[in-house]
Amino acid sequence: MRSELNFLRQTVYLTFDKIVQFSGGYKKYPRVYGIATVTGGLRNYIGYVGGACKQDYLAAIAASFPDQSPQEHKKILAAYWRDHQKMFLELFMYPQMTAENISDLVDLQGRGNLQKAASEGKGAILPVPHFGNIRLLHYALALYGYPISVVSSGYTDDPEVVRRFKLKETSKVHDVGFRGDNPKWIIEALKGNRMIQIASTAEAGNTGVEVDFMNRKLFLTSGWVRLAITSGAPVLPTYIVRGADNRHTIYVEPEFPLIEGKNRAETARLTAQALLEHLESVYRAHPHLIDWMSWHNRLREAEEHFKP
């Protein structure tokens, strides 16, 4: 079964790569997004995989946005799938993005915060939520000239062509390390004054903390906080937003203070909670940019963690 699924995924990736290039690729990205609008509509109706159905997604949206109507929940989900497909097709445009043309698609706000962190010489930790195109975020930062390193999934169960588009293209412009690796490489990167993009809403792993976010109780990672405690590197909240014109803006905020607790574990929990509270207004302003697929995974993990 897995071999058949991998063959299907490989076929999908190779087919859409050809479609994107035939449509003009990065130079004609509005055309590519037009295709994504169509495929996003199809995903909204028939594209539910991984054990979650449409009603699961709608229930998750309703729990976080209880003041909105069921019709609004359906609109959020439809818009999410359109954005999801735009992110998917952006995979096939990365090789055509350069330092000279990245500003055609991606703006960067908060350069002064990055420069201030660089001047202090301790590197920086960018805790990025699963919101918007987080792969484009680190790719663009690298093309803008910032020394970025990324903590990523290794996609070890995926076919080679999927790893090529998800990892090999981005690793040409910045360093990539993998979850589960010895974190010593991250400390060394920070000592070298590099910036580390690490997920702030990933699975808990060995550093899980219980948090309240978007009307839900979740069990999320606090690895990024523990890195900040260990290294002394500043934490710069960072996220990416796609606008109505399909152009993206990366926001890098000023240093976020650690919330001191009575011990390391409490500091990690309090700081993780504070960052999520800080980001909640962004989530509520752009609900279609929330990665509802990842969110559903976090809900399942929380259900397992909190069950009696």
C-alpha atoms as a PDB file:
ATOM      1  CA  MET A   1       0.000   0.000   0.000  1.00  0.00           C
ATOM      2  CA  ARG A   2       2.789   2.451   0.911  1.00  0.00           C
ATOM      3  CA  SER A   3       4.589   1.810  -2.385  1.00  0.00           C
ATOM      4  CA  GLU A   4       1.395   2.569  -4.332  1.00  0.00           C
ATOM      5  CA  LEU A   5       0.827   5.744  -2.318  1.00  0.00           C
ATOM      6  CA  ASN A   6       4.428   6.880  -2.870  1.00  0.00           C
ATOM      7  CA  PHE A   7       4.086   6.239  -6.606  1.00  0.00           C
ATOM      8  CA  LEU A   8       0.936   8.348  -6.638  1.00  0.00           C
ATOM      9  CA  ARG A   9       2.605  11.184  -4.748  1.00  0.00           C
ATOM     10  CA  GLN A  10       5.606  11.071  -7.047  1.00  0.00           C
ATOM     11  CA  THR A  11       3.317  11.259 -10.059  1.00  0.00           C
ATOM     12  CA  VAL A  12       1.415  14.210  -8.582  1.00  0.00           C
ATOM     13  CA  TYR A  13       4.614  16.142  -7.831  1.00  0.00           C
ATOM     14  CA  LEU A  14       6.160  15.554 -11.241  1.00  0.00           C
ATOM     15  CA  THR A  15       2.900  16.391 -13.022  1.00  0.00           C
ATOM     16  CA  PHE A  16       2.366  19.660 -11.180  1.00  0.00           C
ATOM     17  CA  ASP A  17       5.991  20.635 -11.668  1.00  0.00           C
ATOM     18  CA  LYS A  18       5.426  20.386 -15.425  1.00  0.00           C
ATOM     19  CA  ILE A  19       2.145  22.289 -15.175  1.00  0.00           C
ATOM     20  CA  VAL A  20       3.769  25.118 -13.203  1.00  0.00           C
ATOM     21  CA  GLN A  21       6.667  25.420 -15.644  1.00  0.00           C
ATOM     22  CA  PHE A  22       4.323  25.296 -18.658  1.00  0.00           C
ATOM     23  CA  SER A  23       2.274  28.088 -17.054  1.00  0.00           C
ATOM     24  CA  GLY A  24       5.331  30.319 -16.856  1.00  0.00           C
ATOM     25  CA  GLY A  25       6.641  29.470 -13.389  1.00  0.00           C
ATOM     26  CA  TYR A  26       7.747  32.210 -11.038  1.00  0.00           C
ATOM     27  CA  LYS A  27       7.751  34.929 -13.717  1.00  0.00           C
ATOM     28  CA  LYS A  28       4.049  34.293 -14.271  1.00  0.00           C
ATOM     29  CA  TYR A  29       3.056  33.375 -10.733  1.00  0.00           C
ATOM     30  CA  PRO A  30      -0.475  34.898 -11.012  1.00  0.00           C
ATOM     31  CA  ARG A  31      -1.238  32.191 -13.583  1.00  0.00           C
ATOM     32  CA  VAL A  32       0.066  29.542 -11.201  1.00  0.00           C
ATOM     33  CA  TYR A  33      -2.180  30.839  -8.428  1.00  0.00           C
ATOM     34  CA  GLY A  34      -5.122  30.655 -10.813  1.00  0.00           C
ATOM     35  CA  ILE A  35      -4.472  26.926 -11.153  1.00  0.00           C
ATOM     36  CA  ALA A  36      -4.186  26.636  -7.373  1.00  0.00           C
ATOM     37  CA  THR A  37      -7.590  28.267  -6.948  1.00  0.00           C
ATOM     38  CA  VAL A  38      -9.119  25.503  -9.062  1.00  0.00           C
ATOM     39  CA  THR A  39      -7.251  22.641  -7.381  1.00  0.00           C
ATOM     40  CA  GLY A  40      -7.980  24.186  -3.979  1.00  0.00           C
ATOM     41  CA  GLY A  41     -11.672  24.004  -4.765  1.00  0.00           C
ATOM     42  CA  LEU A  42     -11.301  20.334  -5.595  1.00  0.00           C
ATOM     43  CA  ARG A  43      -9.365  19.675  -2.369  1.00  0.00           C
ATOM     44  CA  ASN A  44     -12.141  21.327  -0.404  1.00  0.00           C
ATOM     45  CA  TYR A  45     -14.653  18.799  -1.713  1.00  0.00           C
ATOM     46  CA  ILE A  46     -12.691  15.579  -2.283  1.00  0.00           C
ATOM     47  CA  GLY A  47      -9.137  15.999  -1.028  1.00  0.00           C
ATOM     48  CA  TYR A  48      -9.299  14.772   2.563  1.00  0.00           C
ATOM     49  CA  VAL A  49      -6.553  12.311   3.478  1.00  0.00           C
ATOM     50  CA  GLY A  50      -4.692  11.182   6.588  1.00  0.00           C
ATOM     51  CA  GLY A  51      -7.692  10.095   8.639  1.00  0.00           C
ATOM     52  CA  ALA A  52      -9.401  13.494   8.863  1.00  0.00           C
ATOM     53  CA  CYS A  53     -12.631  14.229   7.012  1.00  0.00           C
ATOM     54  CA  LYS A  54     -14.232  17.550   6.144  1.00  0.00           C
ATOM     55  CA  GLN A  55     -16.397  17.478   9.252  1.00  0.00           C
ATOM     56  CA  ASP A  56     -13.281  17.055  11.427  1.00  0.00           C
ATOM     57  CA  TYR A  57     -11.817  20.238   9.985  1.00  0.00           C
ATOM     58  CA  LEU A  58     -15.088  22.137  10.321  1.00  0.00           C
ATOM     59  CA  ALA A  59     -15.445  21.018  13.940  1.00  0.00           C
ATOM     60  CA  ALA A  60     -11.928  22.248  14.698  1.00  0.00           C
ATOM     61  CA  ILE A  61     -12.647  25.603  13.073  1.00  0.00           C
ATOM     62  CA  ALA A  62     -15.960  25.927  14.929  1.00  0.00           C
ATOM     63  CA  ALA A  63     -14.284  25.259  18.289  1.00  0.00           C
ATOM     64  CA  SER A  64     -11.760  28.046  17.729  1.00  0.00           C
ATOM     65  CA  PHE A  65     -14.233  30.450  16.103  1.00  0.00           C
ATOM     66  CA  PRO A  66     -17.483  29.779  17.998  1.00  0.00           C
ATOM     67  CA  ASP A  67     -18.868  33.254  17.341  1.00  0.00           C
ATOM     68  CA  GLN A  68     -18.945  32.672  13.592  1.00  0.00           C
ATOM     69  CA  SER A  69     -21.693  30.856  11.739  1.00  0.00           C
ATOM     70  CA  PRO A  70     -21.386  27.400  10.169  1.00  0.00           C
ATOM     71  CA  GLN A  71     -21.405  29.117   6.781  1.00  0.00           C
ATOM     72  CA  GLU A  72     -18.419  31.230   7.820  1.00  0.00           C
ATOM     73  CA  HIS A  73     -16.635  28.092   9.005  1.00  0.00           C
ATOM     74  CA  LYS A  74     -17.137  26.578   5.551  1.00  0.00           C
ATOM     75  CA  LYS A  75     -15.727  29.723   3.941  1.00  0.00           C
ATOM     76  CA  ILE A  76     -12.638  29.548   6.161  1.00  0.00           C
ATOM     77  CA  LEU A  77     -12.060  25.933   5.182  1.00  0.00           C
ATOM     78  CA  ALA A  78     -12.532  26.638   1.470  1.00  0.00           C
ATOM     79  CA  ALA A  79     -10.077  29.551   1.671  1.00  0.00           C
ATOM     80  CA  TYR A  80      -7.623  27.369   3.591  1.00  0.00           C
ATOM     81  CA  TRP A  81      -7.556  24.770   0.801  1.00  0.00           C
ATOM     82  CA  ARG A  82      -6.996  27.460  -1.831  1.00  0.00           C
ATOM     83  CA  ASP A  83      -4.047  28.776   0.151  1.00  0.00           C
ATOM     84  CA  HIS A  84      -2.802  25.234   0.789  1.00  0.00           C
ATOM     85  CA  GLN A  85      -2.691  24.582  -2.965  1.00  0.00           C
ATOM     86  CA  LYS A  86      -0.922  27.882  -3.603  1.00  0.00           C
ATOM     87  CA  MET A  87       1.763  26.806  -1.126  1.00  0.00           C
ATOM     88  CA  PHE A  88       2.002  23.436  -2.850  1.00  0.00           C
ATOM     89  CA  LEU A  89       2.535  24.986  -6.279  1.00  0.00           C
ATOM     90  CA  GLU A  90       5.054  27.446  -4.832  1.00  0.00           C
ATOM     91  CA  LEU A  91       7.284  24.409  -4.222  1.00  0.00           C
ATOM     92  CA  PHE A  92       7.879  24.223  -7.958  1.00  0.00           C
ATOM     93  CA  MET A  93       8.811  27.910  -8.248  1.00  0.00           C
ATOM     94  CA  TYR A  94      11.596  27.938  -5.641  1.00  0.00           C
ATOM     95  CA  PRO A  95      14.396  27.126  -8.123  1.00  0.00           C
ATOM     96  CA  GLN A  96      13.513  30.290 -10.062  1.00  0.00           C
ATOM     97  CA  MET A  97      13.586  32.575  -7.010  1.00  0.00           C
ATOM     98  CA  THR A  98      16.788  34.574  -6.564  1.00  0.00           C
ATOM     99  CA  ALA A  99      18.188  37.340  -4.397  1.00  0.00           C
ATOM    100  CA  GLU A 100      17.365  39.715  -7.249  1.00  0.00           C
ATOM    101  CA  ASN A 101      13.707  38.761  -7.710  1.00  0.00           C
ATOM    102  CA  ILE A 102      12.492  37.500  -4.314  1.00  0.00           C
ATOM    103  CA  SER A 103      11.053  40.933  -3.517  1.00  0.00           C
ATOM    104  CA  ASP A 104       8.622  40.471  -6.419  1.00  0.00           C
ATOM    105  CA  LEU A 105       6.701  38.035  -4.218  1.00  0.00           C
ATOM    106  CA  VAL A 106       7.889  38.509  -0.627  1.00  0.00           C
ATOM    107  CA  ASP A 107       8.264  41.681   1.451  1.00  0.00           C
ATOM    108  CA  LEU A 108      10.215  41.726   4.714  1.00  0.00           C
ATOM    109  CA  GLN A 109       9.195  43.780   7.732  1.00  0.00           C
ATOM    110  CA  GLY A 110      11.433  43.939  10.788  1.00  0.00           C
ATOM    111  CA  ARG A 111      14.892  44.099   9.235  1.00  0.00           C
ATOM    112  CA  GLY A 112      16.011  46.304  12.103  1.00  0.00           C
ATOM    113  CA  ASN A 113      15.149  43.556  14.587  1.00  0.00           C
ATOM    114  CA  LEU A 114      17.243  41.055  12.628  1.00  0.00           C
ATOM    115  CA  GLN A 115      20.111  43.524  12.394  1.00  0.00           C
ATOM    116  CA  LYS A 116      19.984  44.279  16.112  1.00  0.00           C
ATOM    117  CA  ALA A 117      20.156  40.570  16.915  1.00  0.00           C
ATOM    118  CA  ALA A 118      23.079  40.124  14.510  1.00  0.00           C
ATOM    119  CA  SER A 119      24.960  43.012  16.130  1.00  0.00           C
ATOM    120  CA  GLU A 120      24.720  41.304  19.526  1.00  0.00           C
ATOM    121  CA  GLY A 121      26.526  38.250  18.159  1.00  0.00           C
ATOM    122  CA  LYS A 122      24.437  35.495  19.781  1.00  0.00           C
ATOM    123  CA  GLY A 123      22.400  34.549  16.732  1.00  0.00           C
ATOM    124  CA  ALA A 124      18.626  34.533  17.032  1.00  0.00           C
ATOM    125  CA  ILE A 125      15.804  32.048  17.522  1.00  0.00           C
ATOM    126  CA  LEU A 126      12.809  32.529  15.232  1.00  0.00           C
ATOM    127  CA  PRO A 127       9.885  30.524  16.676  1.00  0.00           C
ATOM    128  CA  VAL A 128       7.603  30.216  13.668  1.00  0.00           C
ATOM    129  CA  PRO A 129       4.014  28.924  14.007  1.00  0.00           C
ATOM    130  CA  HIS A 130       2.339  26.601  11.507  1.00  0.00           C
ATOM    131  CA  PHE A 131       0.692  29.529   9.787  1.00  0.00           C
ATOM    132  CA  GLY A 132       1.161  30.667   6.193  1.00  0.00           C
ATOM    133  CA  ASN A 133       3.957  29.371   3.987  1.00  0.00           C
ATOM    134  CA  ILE A 134       6.672  28.710   6.557  1.00  0.00           C
ATOM    135  CA  ARG A 135       8.927  27.066   3.946  1.00  0.00           C
ATOM    136  CA  LEU A 136       8.858  30.203   1.801  1.00  0.00           C
ATOM    137  CA  LEU A 137       9.609  32.203   4.951  1.00  0.00           C
ATOM    138  CA  HIS A 138      13.041  30.661   5.521  1.00  0.00           C
ATOM    139  CA  TYR A 139      13.786  30.428   1.800  1.00  0.00           C
ATOM    140  CA  ALA A 140      13.102  34.143   1.373  1.00  0.00           C
ATOM    141  CA  LEU A 141      15.118  35.135   4.442  1.00  0.00           C
ATOM    142  CA  ALA A 142      18.094  33.264   2.991  1.00  0.00           C
ATOM    143  CA  LEU A 143      17.698  34.981  -0.382  1.00  0.00           C
ATOM    144  CA  TYR A 144      17.489  38.320   1.411  1.00  0.00           C
ATOM    145  CA  GLY A 145      20.974  37.526   2.724  1.00  0.00           C
ATOM    146  CA  TYR A 146      20.318  36.452   6.307  1.00  0.00           C
ATOM    147  CA  PRO A 147      22.291  33.497   7.740  1.00  0.00           C
ATOM    148  CA  ILE A 148      19.352  31.220   8.439  1.00  0.00           C
ATOM    149  CA  SER A 149      19.389  27.592   9.569  1.00  0.00           C
ATOM    150  CA  VAL A 150      16.191  25.561   9.754  1.00  0.00           C
ATOM    151  CA  VAL A 151      15.016  22.696  11.955  1.00  0.00           C
ATOM    152  CA  SER A 152      12.968  20.511   9.624  1.00  0.00           C
ATOM    153  CA  SER A 153      11.306  17.165   9.245  1.00  0.00           C
ATOM    154  CA  GLY A 154      13.474  14.730   7.322  1.00  0.00           C
ATOM    155  CA  TYR A 155      10.516  13.406   5.282  1.00  0.00           C
ATOM    156  CA  THR A 156      12.161   9.998   5.491  1.00  0.00           C
ATOM    157  CA  ASP A 157       8.971   8.132   4.578  1.00  0.00           C
ATOM    158  CA  ASP A 158       8.391  10.200   1.451  1.00  0.00           C
ATOM    159  CA  PRO A 159       9.583   9.332  -2.064  1.00  0.00           C
ATOM    160  CA  GLU A 160      12.787  10.924  -3.312  1.00  0.00           C
ATOM    161  CA  VAL A 161      11.028  13.408  -5.564  1.00  0.00           C
ATOM    162  CA  VAL A 162       9.054  14.794  -2.595  1.00  0.00           C
ATOM    163  CA  ARG A 163      12.246  15.197  -0.546  1.00  0.00           C
ATOM    164  CA  ARG A 164      13.852  16.940  -3.516  1.00  0.00           C
ATOM    165  CA  PHE A 165      11.181  19.601  -3.747  1.00  0.00           C
ATOM    166  CA  LYS A 166      10.728  20.000   0.025  1.00  0.00           C
ATOM    167  CA  LEU A 167      14.351  19.792   1.158  1.00  0.00           C
ATOM    168  CA  LYS A 168      16.991  19.790  -1.551  1.00  0.00           C
ATOM    169  CA  GLU A 169      15.982  23.072  -3.177  1.00  0.00           C
ATOM    170  CA  THR A 170      15.853  24.970   0.109  1.00  0.00           C
ATOM    171  CA  SER A 171      19.082  23.378   1.371  1.00  0.00           C
ATOM    172  CA  LYS A 172      20.857  24.973  -1.593  1.00  0.00           C
ATOM    173  CA  VAL A 173      20.366  28.394  -0.008  1.00  0.00           C
ATOM    174  CA  HIS A 174      20.587  27.659   3.736  1.00  0.00           C
ATOM    175  CA  ASP A 175      21.542  25.010   6.295  1.00  0.00           C
ATOM    176  CA  VAL A 176      18.977  22.389   7.296  1.00  0.00           C
ATOM    177  CA  GLY A 177      18.989  20.187  10.393  1.00  0.00           C
ATOM    178  CA  PHE A 178      16.420  17.634  11.406  1.00  0.00           C
ATOM    179  CA  ARG A 179      14.194  17.022  14.393  1.00  0.00           C
ATOM    180  CA  GLY A 180      15.707  14.240  16.436  1.00  0.00           C
ATOM    181  CA  ASP A 181      19.297  15.219  15.624  1.00  0.00           C
ATOM    182  CA  ASN A 182      21.674  16.070  18.439  1.00  0.00           C
ATOM    183  CA  PRO A 183      20.794  19.727  19.221  1.00  0.00           C
ATOM    184  CA  LYS A 184      24.496  20.528  19.531  1.00  0.00           C
ATOM    185  CA  TRP A 185      24.444  21.642  15.893  1.00  0.00           C
ATOM    186  CA  ILE A 186      21.893  24.332  16.779  1.00  0.00           C
ATOM    187  CA  ILE A 187      24.011  25.663  19.645  1.00  0.00           C
ATOM    188  CA  GLU A 188      27.030  25.777  17.333  1.00  0.00           C
ATOM    189  CA  ALA A 189      25.007  27.609  14.689  1.00  0.00           C
ATOM    190  CA  LEU A 190      23.910  30.205  17.256  1.00  0.00           C
ATOM    191  CA  LYS A 191      27.507  30.629  18.390  1.00  0.00           C
ATOM    192  CA  GLY A 192      28.277  31.342  14.746  1.00  0.00           C
ATOM    193  CA  ASN A 193      25.671  34.143  14.886  1.00  0.00           C
ATOM    194  CA  ARG A 194      23.186  32.290  12.681  1.00  0.00           C
ATOM    195  CA  MET A 195      19.419  32.581  12.923  1.00  0.00           C
ATOM    196  CA  ILE A 196      17.463  29.420  13.713  1.00  0.00           C
ATOM    197  CA  GLN A 197      13.940  28.942  12.379  1.00  0.00           C
ATOM    198  CA  ILE A 198      12.177  26.396  14.566  1.00  0.00           C
ATOM    199  CA  ALA A 199       8.500  25.554  14.839  1.00  0.00           C
ATOM    200  CA  SER A 200       6.698  26.933  17.892  1.00  0.00           C
ATOM    201  CA  THR A 201       3.568  24.822  17.313  1.00  0.00           C
ATOM    202  CA  ALA A 202       5.115  21.444  16.507  1.00  0.00           C
ATOM    203  CA  GLU A 203       4.458  18.100  18.177  1.00  0.00           C
ATOM    204  CA  ALA A 204       5.552  18.048  21.803  1.00  0.00           C
ATOM    205  CA  GLY A 205       8.302  15.442  21.610  1.00  0.00           C
ATOM    206  CA  ASN A 206      10.416  15.298  24.756  1.00  0.00           C
ATOM    207  CA  THR A 207       9.888  18.967  25.611  1.00  0.00           C
ATOM    208  CA  GLY A 208       6.102  19.174  25.678  1.00  0.00           C
ATOM    209  CA  VAL A 209       4.180  21.802  27.626  1.00  0.00           C
ATOM    210  CA  GLU A 210       0.459  22.178  28.241  1.00  0.00           C
ATOM    211  CA  VAL A 211      -0.939  25.419  26.797  1.00  0.00           C
ATOM    212  CA  ASP A 212      -4.265  27.111  26.086  1.00  0.00           C
ATOM    213  CA  PHE A 213      -4.586  28.479  22.563  1.00  0.00           C
ATOM    214  CA  MET A 214      -7.483  29.366  20.290  1.00  0.00           C
ATOM    215  CA  ASN A 215     -10.055  27.979  22.754  1.00  0.00           C
ATOM    216  CA  ARG A 216      -8.257  24.628  22.935  1.00  0.00           C
ATOM    217  CA  LYS A 217      -5.967  22.874  25.378  1.00  0.00           C
ATOM    218  CA  LEU A 218      -2.888  21.703  23.479  1.00  0.00           C
ATOM    219  CA  PHE A 219       0.341  19.867  24.179  1.00  0.00           C
ATOM    220  CA  LEU A 220       3.103  21.552  22.171  1.00  0.00           C
ATOM    221  CA  THR A 221       6.862  21.717  21.944  1.00  0.00           C
ATOM    222  CA  SER A 222       8.903  24.099  24.094  1.00  0.00           C
ATOM    223  CA  GLY A 223      12.224  23.225  22.469  1.00  0.00           C
ATOM    224  CA  TRP A 224      12.671  26.748  21.138  1.00  0.00           C
ATOM    225  CA  VAL A 225      12.355  28.204  24.655  1.00  0.00           C
ATOM    226  CA  ARG A 226      14.869  25.748  26.061  1.00  0.00           C
ATOM    227  CA  LEU A 227      17.310  26.689  23.299  1.00  0.00           C
ATOM    228  CA  ALA A 228      16.933  30.342  24.267  1.00  0.00           C
ATOM    229  CA  ILE A 229      17.554  29.529  27.932  1.00  0.00           C
ATOM    230  CA  THR A 230      20.660  27.495  27.098  1.00  0.00           C
ATOM    231  CA  SER A 231      22.169  29.806  24.481  1.00  0.00           C
ATOM    232  CA  GLY A 232      21.110  33.263  25.611  1.00  0.00           C
ATOM    233  CA  ALA A 233      20.078  34.003  22.011  1.00  0.00           C
ATOM    234  CA  PRO A 234      17.221  36.470  21.572  1.00  0.00           C
ATOM    235  CA  VAL A 235      13.788  35.181  20.557  1.00  0.00           C
ATOM    236  CA  LEU A 236      12.242  37.051  17.618  1.00  0.00           C
ATOM    237  CA  PRO A 237       8.611  36.060  16.913  1.00  0.00           C
ATOM    238  CA  THR A 238       8.326  35.584  13.156  1.00  0.00           C
ATOM    239  CA  TYR A 239       5.468  34.734  10.823  1.00  0.00           C
ATOM    240  CA  ILE A 240       4.400  35.147   7.193  1.00  0.00           C
ATOM    241  CA  VAL A 241       1.096  36.448   5.791  1.00  0.00           C
ATOM    242  CA  ARG A 242      -0.211  36.173   2.228  1.00  0.00           C
ATOM    243  CA  GLY A 243      -2.158  39.249   1.163  1.00  0.00           C
ATOM    244  CA  ALA A 244      -5.166  39.554  -1.124  1.00  0.00           C
ATOM    245  CA  ASP A 245      -2.785  40.177  -4.057  1.00  0.00           C
ATOM    246  CA  ASN A 246      -1.035  36.833  -3.290  1.00  0.00           C
ATOM    247  CA  ARG A 247       2.179  38.586  -2.272  1.00  0.00           C
ATOM    248  CA  HIS A 248       3.646  37.578   1.095  1.00  0.00           C
ATOM    249  CA  THR A 249       4.952  39.688   3.959  1.00  0.00           C
ATOM    250  CA  ILE A 250       7.359  38.279   6.531  1.00  0.00           C
ATOM    251  CA  TYR A 251       7.044  39.915   9.943  1.00  0.00           C
ATOM    252  CA  VAL A 252      10.004  39.731  12.320  1.00  0.00           C
ATOM    253  CA  GLU A 253       9.088  41.245  15.670  1.00  0.00           C
ATOM    254  CA  PRO A 254      11.329  42.696  18.413  1.00  0.00           C
ATOM    255  CA  GLU A 255      12.912  40.429  20.988  1.00  0.00           C
ATOM    256  CA  PHE A 256      10.346  38.515  23.026  1.00  0.00           C
ATOM    257  CA  PRO A 257      11.268  38.209  26.715  1.00  0.00           C
ATOM    258  CA  LEU A 258      11.406  34.873  28.484  1.00  0.00           C
ATOM    259  CA  ILE A 259       8.870  34.619  31.305  1.00  0.00           C
ATOM    260  CA  GLU A 260      10.856  33.530  34.318  1.00  0.00           C
ATOM    261  CA  GLY A 261       9.449  30.679  36.368  1.00  0.00           C
ATOM    262  CA  LYS A 262      10.693  28.919  39.448  1.00  0.00           C
ATOM    263  CA  ASN A 263      12.615  26.445  37.298  1.00  0.00           C
ATOM    264  CA  ARG A 264      13.547  25.723  33.678  1.00  0.00           C
ATOM    265  CA  ALA A 265      10.384  23.714  32.998  1.00  0.00           C
ATOM    266  CA  GLU A 266       8.096  26.451  34.299  1.00  0.00           C
ATOM    267  CA  THR A 267       9.973  29.109  32.315  1.00  0.00           C
ATOM    268  CA  ALA A 268       9.456  27.000  29.183  1.00  0.00           C
ATOM    269  CA  ARG A 269       5.732  26.595  29.833  1.00  0.00           C
ATOM    270  CA  LEU A 270       5.096  30.230  30.751  1.00  0.00           C
ATOM    271  CA  THR A 271       7.055  31.563  27.768  1.00  0.00           C
ATOM    272  CA  ALA A 272       5.409  29.182  25.293  1.00  0.00           C
ATOM    273  CA  GLN A 273       1.998  30.228  26.627  1.00  0.00           C
ATOM    274  CA  ALA A 274       2.876  33.924  26.419  1.00  0.00           C
ATOM    275  CA  LEU A 275       4.048  33.653  22.816  1.00  0.00           C
ATOM    276  CA  LEU A 276       0.862  31.880  21.756  1.00  0.00           C
ATOM    277  CA  GLU A 277      -1.243  34.551  23.438  1.00  0.00           C
ATOM    278  CA  HIS A 278       0.809  37.150  21.587  1.00  0.00           C
ATOM    279  CA  LEU A 279       0.158  35.418  18.246  1.00  0.00           C
ATOM    280  CA  GLU A 280      -3.533  34.727  18.730  1.00  0.00           C
ATOM    281  CA  SER A 281      -4.638  38.021  17.184  1.00  0.00           C
ATOM    282  CA  VAL A 282      -2.702  37.136  14.021  1.00  0.00           C
ATOM    283  CA  TYR A 283      -4.432  33.748  13.850  1.00  0.00           C
ATOM    284  CA  ARG A 284      -7.835  35.327  14.333  1.00  0.00           C
ATOM    285  CA  ALA A 285      -7.195  37.987  11.694  1.00  0.00           C
ATOM    286  CA  HIS A 286      -6.272  35.385   9.047  1.00  0.00           C
ATOM    287  CA  PRO A 287      -8.018  32.099   9.922  1.00  0.00           C
ATOM    288  CA  HIS A 288      -7.547  30.663   6.424  1.00  0.00           C
ATOM    289  CA  LEU A 289      -3.763  30.842   6.845  1.00  0.00           C
ATOM    290  CA  ILE A 290      -3.813  28.550   9.876  1.00  0.00           C
ATOM    291  CA  ASP A 291      -2.400  25.155   8.919  1.00  0.00           C
ATOM    292  CA  TRP A 292      -5.565  23.240   9.771  1.00  0.00           C
ATOM    293  CA  MET A 293      -3.975  19.952   8.743  1.00  0.00           C
ATOM    294  CA  SER A 294      -1.201  20.418  11.303  1.00  0.00           C
ATOM    295  CA  TRP A 295      -3.779  21.750  13.783  1.00  0.00           C
ATOM    296  CA  HIS A 296      -5.792  18.549  13.468  1.00  0.00           C
ATOM    297  CA  ASN A 297      -2.652  16.537  14.276  1.00  0.00           C
ATOM    298  CA  ARG A 298      -2.013  18.648  17.375  1.00  0.00           C
ATOM    299  CA  LEU A 299      -5.623  18.090  18.490  1.00  0.00           C
ATOM    300  CA  ARG A 300      -5.220  14.328  18.209  1.00  0.00           C
ATOM    301  CA  GLU A 301      -1.987  14.460  20.193  1.00  0.00           C
ATOM    302  CA  ALA A 302      -3.628  16.640  22.852  1.00  0.00           C
ATOM    303  CA  GLU A 303      -6.550  14.242  23.114  1.00  0.00           C
ATOM    304  CA  GLU A 304      -4.121  11.408  23.748  1.00  0.00           C
ATOM    305  CA  HIS A 305      -2.101  13.450  26.256  1.00  0.00           C
ATOM    306  CA  PHE A 306      -5.069  14.747  28.281  1.00  0.00           C
ATOM    307  CA  LYS A 307      -7.191  11.610  28.307  1.00  0.00           C
ATOM    308  CA  PRO A 308      -7.829  10.222  31.851  1.00  0.00           C
END
